[in-house]
Each structure stands twice: as C-alpha cells, then as structure tokens.
Protein backbone atom coordinates (compact mmCIF):
# COMPACT_ATOMS: atom_id res chain seq x y z
CA MET A 1 0.00 0.00 0.00
CA LYS A 2 2.87 2.37 0.78
CA ARG A 3 4.39 1.68 -2.64
CA ILE A 4 1.15 2.59 -4.39
CA ALA A 5 0.83 5.80 -2.39
CA LEU A 6 4.45 6.69 -3.15
CA ALA A 7 3.98 5.95 -6.86
CA LEU A 8 0.86 8.15 -7.00
CA LEU A 9 2.59 10.96 -5.14
CA LEU A 10 5.56 10.78 -7.50
CA ALA A 11 3.29 10.70 -10.56
CA PHE A 12 1.32 13.77 -9.49
CA THR A 13 4.43 15.79 -8.67
CA VAL A 14 6.35 14.94 -11.86
CA VAL A 15 3.55 15.14 -14.47
CA PRO A 16 3.10 18.96 -14.33
CA PHE A 17 6.80 19.43 -15.05
CA LEU A 18 6.70 17.03 -17.97
CA SER A 19 3.59 18.50 -19.56
CA ALA A 20 4.89 22.10 -19.54
CA HIS A 21 8.37 21.53 -20.94
CA GLU A 22 9.55 23.17 -24.13
CA GLY A 23 10.11 21.42 -27.43
CA HIS A 24 6.61 20.44 -28.43
CA ASP A 25 3.41 22.15 -29.55
CA HIS A 26 1.00 23.61 -27.01
CA LYS A 27 -2.72 24.21 -27.59
CA ILE A 28 -3.98 27.39 -25.97
CA MET A 29 -7.74 27.91 -26.11
CA GLY A 30 -9.58 31.03 -25.09
CA THR A 31 -10.74 34.49 -26.09
CA LEU A 32 -8.55 37.25 -27.49
CA ALA A 33 -8.13 39.79 -24.71
CA ALA A 34 -5.86 42.06 -26.80
CA VAL A 35 -4.39 42.16 -30.29
CA HIS A 36 -1.02 43.85 -30.86
CA ASP A 37 1.16 44.24 -33.97
CA SER A 38 3.29 41.18 -33.23
CA SER A 39 1.47 39.38 -30.39
CA VAL A 40 -1.92 38.49 -28.96
CA ASP A 41 -3.13 38.03 -25.41
CA VAL A 42 -5.38 34.98 -24.98
CA LYS A 43 -7.57 34.72 -21.90
CA ALA A 44 -8.39 31.10 -21.07
CA THR A 45 -11.58 29.95 -19.37
CA ASP A 46 -9.68 29.68 -16.08
CA GLY A 47 -8.99 33.44 -16.27
CA LYS A 48 -5.28 33.12 -16.99
CA THR A 49 -4.01 35.39 -19.78
CA THR A 50 -1.11 34.26 -21.98
CA THR A 51 0.84 36.47 -24.38
CA ILE A 52 1.69 34.72 -27.65
CA THR A 53 4.15 36.12 -30.17
CA LEU A 54 3.21 36.18 -33.87
CA ASN A 55 5.70 36.01 -36.74
CA ASP A 56 5.67 35.80 -40.53
CA LYS A 57 5.24 32.01 -40.34
CA THR A 58 2.09 32.20 -38.18
CA LYS A 59 -0.95 30.90 -40.06
CA ILE A 60 -4.30 32.46 -39.17
CA LEU A 61 -7.38 30.51 -40.25
CA HIS A 62 -11.14 30.97 -39.99
CA GLY A 63 -12.36 27.55 -41.05
CA THR A 64 -10.28 26.89 -44.14
CA MET A 65 -10.02 30.57 -45.14
CA ALA A 66 -6.65 32.26 -44.58
CA MET A 67 -6.84 35.48 -42.56
CA LYS A 68 -4.39 38.25 -41.62
CA ILE A 69 -3.33 39.64 -38.25
CA ALA A 70 -5.47 42.71 -38.99
CA ASP A 71 -8.53 40.41 -39.11
CA LEU A 72 -8.08 39.39 -35.46
CA LYS A 73 -10.45 41.19 -33.09
CA THR A 74 -10.72 41.35 -29.32
CA GLY A 75 -13.37 38.86 -28.21
CA ASP A 76 -12.66 36.31 -30.95
CA ARG A 77 -12.55 32.74 -29.71
CA VAL A 78 -9.30 31.11 -30.74
CA VAL A 79 -7.29 27.91 -30.55
CA VAL A 80 -3.59 28.67 -30.82
CA THR A 81 -0.97 26.05 -31.61
CA ALA A 82 2.31 27.42 -30.29
CA THR A 83 5.87 26.37 -29.54
CA GLY A 84 7.87 27.52 -26.56
CA GLY A 85 6.77 27.74 -22.98
CA GLY A 86 8.79 27.42 -19.83
CA LYS A 87 11.63 29.93 -20.09
CA ASP A 88 10.89 30.74 -23.75
CA PRO A 89 7.93 32.85 -24.89
CA PHE A 90 5.11 31.17 -26.78
CA VAL A 91 5.35 31.63 -30.56
CA ALA A 92 2.20 30.91 -32.58
CA LYS A 93 2.42 28.42 -35.42
CA GLU A 94 -1.31 28.58 -36.13
CA ILE A 95 -4.34 30.49 -34.87
CA LYS A 96 -7.79 29.09 -35.59
CA ILE A 97 -10.58 31.61 -35.18
CA GLY A 98 -13.99 30.47 -34.00
CA ALA A 99 -17.20 32.39 -33.44
CA ALA A 100 -17.06 35.50 -31.25
CA THR A 101 -18.66 35.15 -27.85
CA ALA A 102 -22.33 36.08 -27.91
CA ALA A 103 -23.48 39.19 -26.08
CA LYS A 104 -25.53 38.45 -22.97
CA VAL A 105 -29.20 39.32 -23.14
CA THR A 106 -30.08 41.78 -20.38
CA THR A 107 -33.79 42.16 -21.12
CA LYS A 108 -36.47 39.56 -21.57
CA PRO A 109 -37.94 39.09 -25.03
CA ALA A 110 -41.41 40.65 -25.58
CA SER A 111 -43.00 37.21 -25.75
CA ALA A 112 -41.74 36.41 -22.22
CA LYS A 113 -43.42 39.51 -20.66
CA LYS A 114 -46.99 39.01 -19.44
C-alpha cells in the first residue's frame, strides 16, 4: 500500500513538469483579450491570460479561409498552436478563429413579458 501511495505521489508531482516543458506544440484555447502588432493576449476559461508572439510564419485561419493579423479582433474565440513555454515565450504556429462570444441578453424578449 505504501508503494502505491508513493507511486501516486511521484506521478502527481512529476507530471506537471513534464507536460509544460519546451520542445513540443502547445494548444492554448480562449478568447482574445488584446491584439497587438506582433502578439496576442489569450484569456483562457480559467482566467489566466497568456501572451503569444506572432511572426511571418504564423498561419491564421477561420475555417479553411486564410486570414491576416489585422482580421483578429478582441473577443474572438481562438485555438492557438504554439511552440515555446517554460523559459521561452510562446510563438504561434497557427491560430484558428472560432465564433465571437455572444453578447448576454439583459432584457427579456417581448414574448416572455406578461
């Protein structure tokens, strides 16, 4: 029983270090919090904001249609495939744009009022 507990403890302490190391692609999903000339800030659902550098090799897609950096807008939902992490900054290989988040309805529709 002690061996199992030790193995689980070791697994849970080592896995975060292995999953965040550099050298492989990272998927960052969220909403664009800011768009700059050569970077974007992506706010994930957990509230954490990550700055991702863009370069001339970064592909920006909306479905299968190629887009430009100028087409990115704050509020766009994105999935970014990036290299880097750890000590190195994230550099986007590809940004896939989804639908913008819908505005919240603050009033009830006329049919709901009685």
